[in-house]
Amino acid sequence: MLIAKEHDTHVEAVDLHNHYVGFKILLPLDVALATVVESGISKCNELGEFVLQHYYATNQNIPNPDEVETIIKVVRGEIPPPPELWDAEPPSEN
């Protein structure tokens, strides 16, 4: 939550699962979502590289657990993105 505080961001909910975490956050309009999320990922990975650099964010709906599992498989390159969940190409490995 330290990262959220640093960026004047409010964490409304945390949804813990076996191999992913979902957050519902409110952030100021002058703060980029990527700044908050990527700072959090970097902070976690100081303890060891265990958090993927990729993330999925939406402001339309909260994906259910089956949709999240599909998104994770897409990000890992295990399946192609289904059109109903992803309008763009999956992130590339740069």
PDB file of N, CA and C in Angstrom:
ATOM      1  N   MET A   1       0.808  -1.194   0.000  1.00  0.00           N
ATOM      2  CA  MET A   1       0.000   0.000   0.000  1.00  0.00           C
ATOM      3  C   MET A   1       0.858   1.267   0.000  1.00  0.00           C
ATOM      4  N   LEU A   2       2.147   1.093   0.287  1.00  0.00           N
ATOM      5  CA  LEU A   2       3.066   2.227   0.295  1.00  0.00           C
ATOM      6  C   LEU A   2       3.113   2.903  -1.075  1.00  0.00           C
ATOM      7  N   ILE A   3       3.125   2.101  -2.141  1.00  0.00           N
ATOM      8  CA  ILE A   3       3.168   2.662  -3.497  1.00  0.00           C
ATOM      9  C   ILE A   3       1.918   3.499  -3.753  1.00  0.00           C
ATOM     10  N   ALA A   4       0.757   3.002  -3.328  1.00  0.00           N
ATOM     11  CA  ALA A   4      -0.484   3.751  -3.508  1.00  0.00           C
ATOM     12  C   ALA A   4      -0.419   5.092  -2.792  1.00  0.00           C
ATOM     13  N   LYS A   5       0.088   5.077  -1.585  1.00  0.00           N
ATOM     14  CA  LYS A   5       0.196   6.314  -0.807  1.00  0.00           C
ATOM     15  C   LYS A   5       1.127   7.310  -1.486  1.00  0.00           C
ATOM     16  N   GLU A   6       2.237   6.810  -2.021  1.00  0.00           N
ATOM     17  CA  GLU A   6       3.203   7.688  -2.699  1.00  0.00           C
ATOM     18  C   GLU A   6       2.593   8.393  -3.902  1.00  0.00           C
ATOM     19  N   HIS A   7       1.593   7.774  -4.521  1.00  0.00           N
ATOM     20  CA  HIS A   7       0.989   8.332  -5.734  1.00  0.00           C
ATOM     21  C   HIS A   7      -0.427   8.855  -5.497  1.00  0.00           C
ATOM     22  N   ASP A   8      -0.792   9.079  -4.232  1.00  0.00           N
ATOM     23  CA  ASP A   8      -2.101   9.612  -3.861  1.00  0.00           C
ATOM     24  C   ASP A   8      -3.234   8.767  -4.457  1.00  0.00           C
ATOM     25  N   THR A   9      -3.038   7.452  -4.400  1.00  0.00           N
ATOM     26  CA  THR A   9      -3.984   6.491  -4.970  1.00  0.00           C
ATOM     27  C   THR A   9      -4.671   5.742  -3.840  1.00  0.00           C
ATOM     28  N   HIS A  10      -5.966   5.488  -4.003  1.00  0.00           N
ATOM     29  CA  HIS A  10      -6.745   4.788  -2.978  1.00  0.00           C
ATOM     30  C   HIS A  10      -7.044   3.357  -3.434  1.00  0.00           C
ATOM     31  N   VAL A  11      -6.639   2.377  -2.635  1.00  0.00           N
ATOM     32  CA  VAL A  11      -6.939   0.971  -2.925  1.00  0.00           C
ATOM     33  C   VAL A  11      -8.273   0.646  -2.274  1.00  0.00           C
ATOM     34  N   GLU A  12      -9.294   0.385  -3.099  1.00  0.00           N
ATOM     35  CA  GLU A  12     -10.632   0.079  -2.586  1.00  0.00           C
ATOM     36  C   GLU A  12     -10.778  -1.386  -2.197  1.00  0.00           C
ATOM     37  N   ALA A  13     -10.132  -2.278  -2.948  1.00  0.00           N
ATOM     38  CA  ALA A  13     -10.273  -3.709  -2.683  1.00  0.00           C
ATOM     39  C   ALA A  13      -9.049  -4.452  -3.172  1.00  0.00           C
ATOM     40  N   VAL A  14      -8.732  -5.538  -2.472  1.00  0.00           N
ATOM     41  CA  VAL A  14      -7.658  -6.447  -2.861  1.00  0.00           C
ATOM     42  C   VAL A  14      -8.269  -7.836  -2.915  1.00  0.00           C
ATOM     43  N   ASP A  15      -8.084  -8.515  -4.040  1.00  0.00           N
ATOM     44  CA  ASP A  15      -8.667  -9.841  -4.256  1.00  0.00           C
ATOM     45  C   ASP A  15      -7.522 -10.845  -4.452  1.00  0.00           C
ATOM     46  N   LEU A  16      -7.193 -11.598  -3.392  1.00  0.00           N
ATOM     47  CA  LEU A  16      -6.064 -12.528  -3.423  1.00  0.00           C
ATOM     48  C   LEU A  16      -6.470 -13.893  -3.958  1.00  0.00           C
ATOM     49  N   HIS A  17      -5.660 -14.425  -4.850  1.00  0.00           N
ATOM     50  CA  HIS A  17      -5.855 -15.762  -5.408  1.00  0.00           C
ATOM     51  C   HIS A  17      -4.523 -16.513  -5.319  1.00  0.00           C
ATOM     52  N   ASN A  18      -4.524 -17.792  -5.698  1.00  0.00           N
ATOM     53  CA  ASN A  18      -3.309 -18.606  -5.584  1.00  0.00           C
ATOM     54  C   ASN A  18      -2.124 -18.034  -6.352  1.00  0.00           C
ATOM     55  N   HIS A  19      -2.345 -17.564  -7.581  1.00  0.00           N
ATOM     56  CA  HIS A  19      -1.208 -17.082  -8.366  1.00  0.00           C
ATOM     57  C   HIS A  19      -1.457 -15.732  -9.048  1.00  0.00           C
ATOM     58  N   TYR A  20      -2.399 -14.971  -8.518  1.00  0.00           N
ATOM     59  CA  TYR A  20      -2.571 -13.591  -8.960  1.00  0.00           C
ATOM     60  C   TYR A  20      -3.306 -12.793  -7.893  1.00  0.00           C
ATOM     61  N   VAL A  21      -3.209 -11.482  -8.010  1.00  0.00           N
ATOM     62  CA  VAL A  21      -3.885 -10.569  -7.095  1.00  0.00           C
ATOM     63  C   VAL A  21      -4.625  -9.548  -7.944  1.00  0.00           C
ATOM     64  N   GLY A  22      -5.858  -9.278  -7.578  1.00  0.00           N
ATOM     65  CA  GLY A  22      -6.638  -8.242  -8.242  1.00  0.00           C
ATOM     66  C   GLY A  22      -6.764  -7.034  -7.321  1.00  0.00           C
ATOM     67  N   PHE A  23      -6.690  -5.859  -7.893  1.00  0.00           N
ATOM     68  CA  PHE A  23      -6.853  -4.625  -7.127  1.00  0.00           C
ATOM     69  C   PHE A  23      -7.944  -3.778  -7.754  1.00  0.00           C
ATOM     70  N   LYS A  24      -8.715  -3.139  -6.928  1.00  0.00           N
ATOM     71  CA  LYS A  24      -9.662  -2.116  -7.382  1.00  0.00           C
ATOM     72  C   LYS A  24      -9.141  -0.819  -6.788  1.00  0.00           C
ATOM     73  N   ILE A  25      -8.685   0.096  -7.662  1.00  0.00           N
ATOM     74  CA  ILE A  25      -8.050   1.323  -7.171  1.00  0.00           C
ATOM     75  C   ILE A  25      -8.677   2.559  -7.793  1.00  0.00           C
ATOM     76  N   LEU A  26      -8.574   3.646  -7.060  1.00  0.00           N
ATOM     77  CA  LEU A  26      -8.942   4.971  -7.553  1.00  0.00           C
ATOM     78  C   LEU A  26      -7.662   5.793  -7.585  1.00  0.00           C
ATOM     79  N   LEU A  27      -7.382   6.402  -8.732  1.00  0.00           N
ATOM     80  CA  LEU A  27      -6.187   7.205  -8.808  1.00  0.00           C
ATOM     81  C   LEU A  27      -6.505   8.565  -9.399  1.00  0.00           C
ATOM     82  N   PRO A  28      -5.730   9.577  -9.044  1.00  0.00           N
ATOM     83  CA  PRO A  28      -5.959  10.917  -9.581  1.00  0.00           C
ATOM     84  C   PRO A  28      -5.767  10.937 -11.095  1.00  0.00           C
ATOM     85  N   LEU A  29      -6.427  11.863 -11.743  1.00  0.00           N
ATOM     86  CA  LEU A  29      -6.324  11.956 -13.200  1.00  0.00           C
ATOM     87  C   LEU A  29      -4.929  12.324 -13.677  1.00  0.00           C
ATOM     88  N   ASP A  30      -4.135  12.922 -12.807  1.00  0.00           N
ATOM     89  CA  ASP A  30      -2.785  13.319 -13.228  1.00  0.00           C
ATOM     90  C   ASP A  30      -1.726  12.251 -12.934  1.00  0.00           C
ATOM     91  N   VAL A  31      -2.164  11.050 -12.533  1.00  0.00           N
ATOM     92  CA  VAL A  31      -1.251   9.940 -12.274  1.00  0.00           C
ATOM     93  C   VAL A  31      -1.550   8.817 -13.265  1.00  0.00           C
ATOM     94  N   ALA A  32      -0.546   8.383 -13.994  1.00  0.00           N
ATOM     95  CA  ALA A  32      -0.727   7.298 -14.957  1.00  0.00           C
ATOM     96  C   ALA A  32      -0.843   5.965 -14.211  1.00  0.00           C
ATOM     97  N   LEU A  33      -1.777   5.162 -14.622  1.00  0.00           N
ATOM     98  CA  LEU A  33      -1.956   3.838 -14.021  1.00  0.00           C
ATOM     99  C   LEU A  33      -0.650   3.045 -14.076  1.00  0.00           C
ATOM    100  N   ALA A  34       0.037   3.113 -15.200  1.00  0.00           N
ATOM    101  CA  ALA A  34       1.295   2.370 -15.366  1.00  0.00           C
ATOM    102  C   ALA A  34       2.309   2.760 -14.298  1.00  0.00           C
ATOM    103  N   THR A  35       2.350   4.014 -13.920  1.00  0.00           N
ATOM    104  CA  THR A  35       3.287   4.457 -12.893  1.00  0.00           C
ATOM    105  C   THR A  35       3.037   3.729 -11.583  1.00  0.00           C
ATOM    106  N   VAL A  36       1.785   3.631 -11.186  1.00  0.00           N
ATOM    107  CA  VAL A  36       1.427   2.986  -9.921  1.00  0.00           C
ATOM    108  C   VAL A  36       1.672   1.479  -9.996  1.00  0.00           C
ATOM    109  N   VAL A  37       1.155   0.838 -11.039  1.00  0.00           N
ATOM    110  CA  VAL A  37       1.258  -0.621 -11.145  1.00  0.00           C
ATOM    111  C   VAL A  37       2.714  -1.059 -11.317  1.00  0.00           C
ATOM    112  N   GLU A  38       3.429  -0.425 -12.211  1.00  0.00           N
ATOM    113  CA  GLU A  38       4.809  -0.826 -12.457  1.00  0.00           C
ATOM    114  C   GLU A  38       5.707  -0.545 -11.247  1.00  0.00           C
ATOM    115  N   SER A  39       5.423   0.516 -10.501  1.00  0.00           N
ATOM    116  CA  SER A  39       6.168   0.766  -9.260  1.00  0.00           C
ATOM    117  C   SER A  39       5.905  -0.343  -8.252  1.00  0.00           C
ATOM    118  N   GLY A  40       4.648  -0.777  -8.154  1.00  0.00           N
ATOM    119  CA  GLY A  40       4.303  -1.868  -7.242  1.00  0.00           C
ATOM    120  C   GLY A  40       4.959  -3.178  -7.629  1.00  0.00           C
ATOM    121  N   ILE A  41       4.962  -3.481  -8.913  1.00  0.00           N
ATOM    122  CA  ILE A  41       5.609  -4.704  -9.396  1.00  0.00           C
ATOM    123  C   ILE A  41       7.108  -4.660  -9.092  1.00  0.00           C
ATOM    124  N   SER A  42       7.733  -3.529  -9.370  1.00  0.00           N
ATOM    125  CA  SER A  42       9.175  -3.387  -9.105  1.00  0.00           C
ATOM    126  C   SER A  42       9.482  -3.548  -7.625  1.00  0.00           C
ATOM    127  N   LYS A  43       8.653  -2.953  -6.773  1.00  0.00           N
ATOM    128  CA  LYS A  43       8.869  -3.059  -5.321  1.00  0.00           C
ATOM    129  C   LYS A  43       8.753  -4.511  -4.875  1.00  0.00           C
ATOM    130  N   CYS A  44       7.752  -5.235  -5.362  1.00  0.00           N
ATOM    131  CA  CYS A  44       7.602  -6.654  -5.017  1.00  0.00           C
ATOM    132  C   CYS A  44       8.804  -7.454  -5.493  1.00  0.00           C
ATOM    133  N   ASN A  45       9.276  -7.164  -6.683  1.00  0.00           N
ATOM    134  CA  ASN A  45      10.371  -7.938  -7.265  1.00  0.00           C
ATOM    135  C   ASN A  45      11.734  -7.631  -6.637  1.00  0.00           C
ATOM    136  N   GLU A  46      11.803  -6.647  -5.750  1.00  0.00           N
ATOM    137  CA  GLU A  46      13.036  -6.436  -4.988  1.00  0.00           C
ATOM    138  C   GLU A  46      13.303  -7.631  -4.079  1.00  0.00           C
ATOM    139  N   LEU A  47      12.241  -8.363  -3.737  1.00  0.00           N
ATOM    140  CA  LEU A  47      12.357  -9.540  -2.869  1.00  0.00           C
ATOM    141  C   LEU A  47      12.692 -10.800  -3.663  1.00  0.00           C
ATOM    142  N   GLY A  48      12.693 -10.693  -4.984  1.00  0.00           N
ATOM    143  CA  GLY A  48      12.920 -11.826  -5.879  1.00  0.00           C
ATOM    144  C   GLY A  48      12.008 -11.674  -7.073  1.00  0.00           C
ATOM    145  N   GLU A  49      12.457 -12.085  -8.215  1.00  0.00           N
ATOM    146  CA  GLU A  49      11.687 -11.905  -9.451  1.00  0.00           C
ATOM    147  C   GLU A  49      10.521 -12.889  -9.515  1.00  0.00           C
ATOM    148  N   PHE A  50       9.459 -12.618  -8.765  1.00  0.00           N
ATOM    149  CA  PHE A  50       8.329 -13.547  -8.748  1.00  0.00           C
ATOM    150  C   PHE A  50       7.040 -12.942  -9.289  1.00  0.00           C
ATOM    151  N   VAL A  51       7.031 -11.649  -9.597  1.00  0.00           N
ATOM    152  CA  VAL A  51       5.834 -11.007 -10.136  1.00  0.00           C
ATOM    153  C   VAL A  51       6.079 -10.706 -11.614  1.00  0.00           C
ATOM    154  N   LEU A  52       5.167 -11.176 -12.475  1.00  0.00           N
ATOM    155  CA  LEU A  52       5.278 -10.886 -13.908  1.00  0.00           C
ATOM    156  C   LEU A  52       5.220  -9.381 -14.154  1.00  0.00           C
ATOM    157  N   GLN A  53       5.935  -8.920 -15.161  1.00  0.00           N
ATOM    158  CA  GLN A  53       5.935  -7.504 -15.514  1.00  0.00           C
ATOM    159  C   GLN A  53       4.644  -7.080 -16.215  1.00  0.00           C
ATOM    160  N   HIS A  54       3.880  -8.051 -16.705  1.00  0.00           N
ATOM    161  CA  HIS A  54       2.652  -7.745 -17.439  1.00  0.00           C
ATOM    162  C   HIS A  54       1.471  -7.639 -16.483  1.00  0.00           C
ATOM    163  N   TYR A  55       0.517  -6.813 -16.857  1.00  0.00           N
ATOM    164  CA  TYR A  55      -0.702  -6.685 -16.065  1.00  0.00           C
ATOM    165  C   TYR A  55      -1.864  -6.361 -16.990  1.00  0.00           C
ATOM    166  N   TYR A  56      -3.051  -6.564 -16.487  1.00  0.00           N
ATOM    167  CA  TYR A  56      -4.275  -6.302 -17.235  1.00  0.00           C
ATOM    168  C   TYR A  56      -5.082  -5.293 -16.436  1.00  0.00           C
ATOM    169  N   ALA A  57      -5.523  -4.240 -17.070  1.00  0.00           N
ATOM    170  CA  ALA A  57      -6.317  -3.211 -16.392  1.00  0.00           C
ATOM    171  C   ALA A  57      -7.535  -2.880 -17.237  1.00  0.00           C
ATOM    172  N   THR A  58      -8.635  -2.612 -16.570  1.00  0.00           N
ATOM    173  CA  THR A  58      -9.860  -2.229 -17.257  1.00  0.00           C
ATOM    174  C   THR A  58     -10.641  -1.253 -16.396  1.00  0.00           C
ATOM    175  N   ASN A  59     -11.418  -0.420 -17.041  1.00  0.00           N
ATOM    176  CA  ASN A  59     -12.328   0.456 -16.309  1.00  0.00           C
ATOM    177  C   ASN A  59     -13.781   0.146 -16.685  1.00  0.00           C
ATOM    178  N   GLN A  60     -13.997  -0.982 -17.334  1.00  0.00           N
ATOM    179  CA  GLN A  60     -15.340  -1.338 -17.784  1.00  0.00           C
ATOM    180  C   GLN A  60     -16.016  -2.368 -16.898  1.00  0.00           C
ATOM    181  N   ASN A  61     -15.306  -3.432 -16.583  1.00  0.00           N
ATOM    182  CA  ASN A  61     -15.882  -4.481 -15.741  1.00  0.00           C
ATOM    183  C   ASN A  61     -14.756  -5.207 -15.019  1.00  0.00           C
ATOM    184  N   ILE A  62     -15.125  -5.896 -13.957  1.00  0.00           N
ATOM    185  CA  ILE A  62     -14.142  -6.691 -13.228  1.00  0.00           C
ATOM    186  C   ILE A  62     -14.226  -8.110 -13.777  1.00  0.00           C
ATOM    187  N   PRO A  63     -13.132  -8.623 -14.346  1.00  0.00           N
ATOM    188  CA  PRO A  63     -13.186  -9.971 -14.915  1.00  0.00           C
ATOM    189  C   PRO A  63     -13.418 -11.020 -13.821  1.00  0.00           C
ATOM    190  N   ASN A  64     -14.187 -12.042 -14.183  1.00  0.00           N
ATOM    191  CA  ASN A  64     -14.404 -13.141 -13.240  1.00  0.00           C
ATOM    192  C   ASN A  64     -13.155 -14.039 -13.243  1.00  0.00           C
ATOM    193  N   PRO A  65     -13.049 -14.972 -12.280  1.00  0.00           N
ATOM    194  CA  PRO A  65     -11.842 -15.812 -12.200  1.00  0.00           C
ATOM    195  C   PRO A  65     -11.522 -16.587 -13.483  1.00  0.00           C
ATOM    196  N   ASP A  66     -12.525 -17.070 -14.205  1.00  0.00           N
ATOM    197  CA  ASP A  66     -12.256 -17.768 -15.468  1.00  0.00           C
ATOM    198  C   ASP A  66     -11.654 -16.822 -16.509  1.00  0.00           C
ATOM    199  N   GLU A  67     -12.167 -15.592 -16.574  1.00  0.00           N
ATOM    200  CA  GLU A  67     -11.615 -14.616 -17.508  1.00  0.00           C
ATOM    201  C   GLU A  67     -10.177 -14.255 -17.125  1.00  0.00           C
ATOM    202  N   VAL A  68      -9.908 -14.134 -15.829  1.00  0.00           N
ATOM    203  CA  VAL A  68      -8.549 -13.825 -15.387  1.00  0.00           C
ATOM    204  C   VAL A  68      -7.593 -14.947 -15.773  1.00  0.00           C
ATOM    205  N   GLU A  69      -8.015 -16.187 -15.585  1.00  0.00           N
ATOM    206  CA  GLU A  69      -7.170 -17.331 -15.976  1.00  0.00           C
ATOM    207  C   GLU A  69      -6.872 -17.282 -17.476  1.00  0.00           C
ATOM    208  N   THR A  70      -7.860 -16.931 -18.283  1.00  0.00           N
ATOM    209  CA  THR A  70      -7.653 -16.795 -19.730  1.00  0.00           C
ATOM    210  C   THR A  70      -6.665 -15.675 -20.029  1.00  0.00           C
ATOM    211  N   ILE A  71      -6.822 -14.550 -19.359  1.00  0.00           N
ATOM    212  CA  ILE A  71      -5.917 -13.409 -19.555  1.00  0.00           C
ATOM    213  C   ILE A  71      -4.489 -13.802 -19.205  1.00  0.00           C
ATOM    214  N   ILE A  72      -4.309 -14.532 -18.108  1.00  0.00           N
ATOM    215  CA  ILE A  72      -2.970 -14.979 -17.703  1.00  0.00           C
ATOM    216  C   ILE A  72      -2.362 -15.878 -18.779  1.00  0.00           C
ATOM    217  N   LYS A  73      -3.151 -16.790 -19.332  1.00  0.00           N
ATOM    218  CA  LYS A  73      -2.645 -17.672 -20.395  1.00  0.00           C
ATOM    219  C   LYS A  73      -2.262 -16.878 -21.633  1.00  0.00           C
ATOM    220  N   VAL A  74      -3.024 -15.828 -21.954  1.00  0.00           N
ATOM    221  CA  VAL A  74      -2.696 -14.979 -23.099  1.00  0.00           C
ATOM    222  C   VAL A  74      -1.377 -14.258 -22.844  1.00  0.00           C
ATOM    223  N   VAL A  75      -1.227 -13.669 -21.658  1.00  0.00           N
ATOM    224  CA  VAL A  75      -0.009 -12.923 -21.332  1.00  0.00           C
ATOM    225  C   VAL A  75       1.218 -13.829 -21.359  1.00  0.00           C
ATOM    226  N   ARG A  76       1.052 -15.058 -20.910  1.00  0.00           N
ATOM    227  CA  ARG A  76       2.168 -16.016 -20.923  1.00  0.00           C
ATOM    228  C   ARG A  76       2.424 -16.594 -22.306  1.00  0.00           C
ATOM    229  N   GLY A  77       1.566 -16.275 -23.286  1.00  0.00           N
ATOM    230  CA  GLY A  77       1.739 -16.767 -24.645  1.00  0.00           C
ATOM    231  C   GLY A  77       1.266 -18.194 -24.842  1.00  0.00           C
ATOM    232  N   GLU A  78       0.464 -18.702 -23.916  1.00  0.00           N
ATOM    233  CA  GLU A  78      -0.018 -20.083 -24.015  1.00  0.00           C
ATOM    234  C   GLU A  78      -1.190 -20.221 -24.978  1.00  0.00           C
ATOM    235  N   ILE A  79      -1.970 -19.150 -25.156  1.00  0.00           N
ATOM    236  CA  ILE A  79      -3.110 -19.154 -26.083  1.00  0.00           C
ATOM    237  C   ILE A  79      -3.197 -17.788 -26.762  1.00  0.00           C
ATOM    238  N   PRO A  80      -3.829 -17.710 -27.937  1.00  0.00           N
ATOM    239  CA  PRO A  80      -4.032 -16.403 -28.570  1.00  0.00           C
ATOM    240  C   PRO A  80      -5.142 -15.637 -27.834  1.00  0.00           C
ATOM    241  N   PRO A  81      -5.139 -14.326 -27.948  1.00  0.00           N
ATOM    242  CA  PRO A  81      -6.165 -13.553 -27.252  1.00  0.00           C
ATOM    243  C   PRO A  81      -7.553 -13.771 -27.854  1.00  0.00           C
ATOM    244  N   PRO A  82      -8.547 -14.132 -27.037  1.00  0.00           N
ATOM    245  CA  PRO A  82      -9.908 -14.229 -27.548  1.00  0.00           C
ATOM    246  C   PRO A  82     -10.457 -12.828 -27.798  1.00  0.00           C
ATOM    247  N   PRO A  83     -11.147 -12.612 -28.898  1.00  0.00           N
ATOM    248  CA  PRO A  83     -11.589 -11.256 -29.254  1.00  0.00           C
ATOM    249  C   PRO A  83     -12.508 -10.621 -28.207  1.00  0.00           C
ATOM    250  N   GLU A  84     -13.259 -11.410 -27.477  1.00  0.00           N
ATOM    251  CA  GLU A  84     -14.182 -10.819 -26.501  1.00  0.00           C
ATOM    252  C   GLU A  84     -13.478 -10.286 -25.254  1.00  0.00           C
ATOM    253  N   LEU A  85     -12.229 -10.674 -25.018  1.00  0.00           N
ATOM    254  CA  LEU A  85     -11.499 -10.210 -23.840  1.00  0.00           C
ATOM    255  C   LEU A  85     -10.380  -9.236 -24.160  1.00  0.00           C
ATOM    256  N   TRP A  86      -9.916  -9.204 -25.400  1.00  0.00           N
ATOM    257  CA  TRP A  86      -8.727  -8.436 -25.721  1.00  0.00           C
ATOM    258  C   TRP A  86      -8.887  -7.810 -27.093  1.00  0.00           C
ATOM    259  N   ASP A  87      -8.892  -6.502 -27.181  1.00  0.00           N
ATOM    260  CA  ASP A  87      -9.038  -5.837 -28.462  1.00  0.00           C
ATOM    261  C   ASP A  87      -7.714  -5.635 -29.181  1.00  0.00           C
ATOM    262  N   ALA A  88      -6.626  -5.685 -28.436  1.00  0.00           N
ATOM    263  CA  ALA A  88      -5.304  -5.449 -29.026  1.00  0.00           C
ATOM    264  C   ALA A  88      -4.484  -6.715 -28.966  1.00  0.00           C
ATOM    265  N   GLU A  89      -3.307  -6.647 -29.528  1.00  0.00           N
ATOM    266  CA  GLU A  89      -2.374  -7.771 -29.479  1.00  0.00           C
ATOM    267  C   GLU A  89      -1.874  -7.943 -28.048  1.00  0.00           C
ATOM    268  N   PRO A  90      -1.550  -9.161 -27.634  1.00  0.00           N
ATOM    269  CA  PRO A  90      -0.970  -9.346 -26.300  1.00  0.00           C
ATOM    270  C   PRO A  90       0.380  -8.647 -26.200  1.00  0.00           C
ATOM    271  N   PRO A  91       0.810  -8.361 -24.988  1.00  0.00           N
ATOM    272  CA  PRO A  91       2.095  -7.658 -24.833  1.00  0.00           C
ATOM    273  C   PRO A  91       3.236  -8.459 -25.425  1.00  0.00           C
ATOM    274  N   SER A  92       4.182  -7.748 -26.009  1.00  0.00           N
ATOM    275  CA  SER A  92       5.340  -8.415 -26.598  1.00  0.00           C
ATOM    276  C   SER A  92       6.435  -8.526 -25.553  1.00  0.00           C
ATOM    277  N   GLU A  93       7.293  -9.497 -25.715  1.00  0.00           N
ATOM    278  CA  GLU A  93       8.440  -9.687 -24.812  1.00  0.00           C
ATOM    279  C   GLU A  93       9.588  -8.848 -25.331  1.00  0.00           C
ATOM    280  N   ASN A  94       9.777  -7.651 -24.789  1.00  0.00           N
ATOM    281  CA  ASN A  94      10.876  -6.784 -25.212  1.00  0.00           C
ATOM    282  C   ASN A  94      12.041  -6.941 -24.316  1.00  0.00           C
TER     283      ASN A  94
END
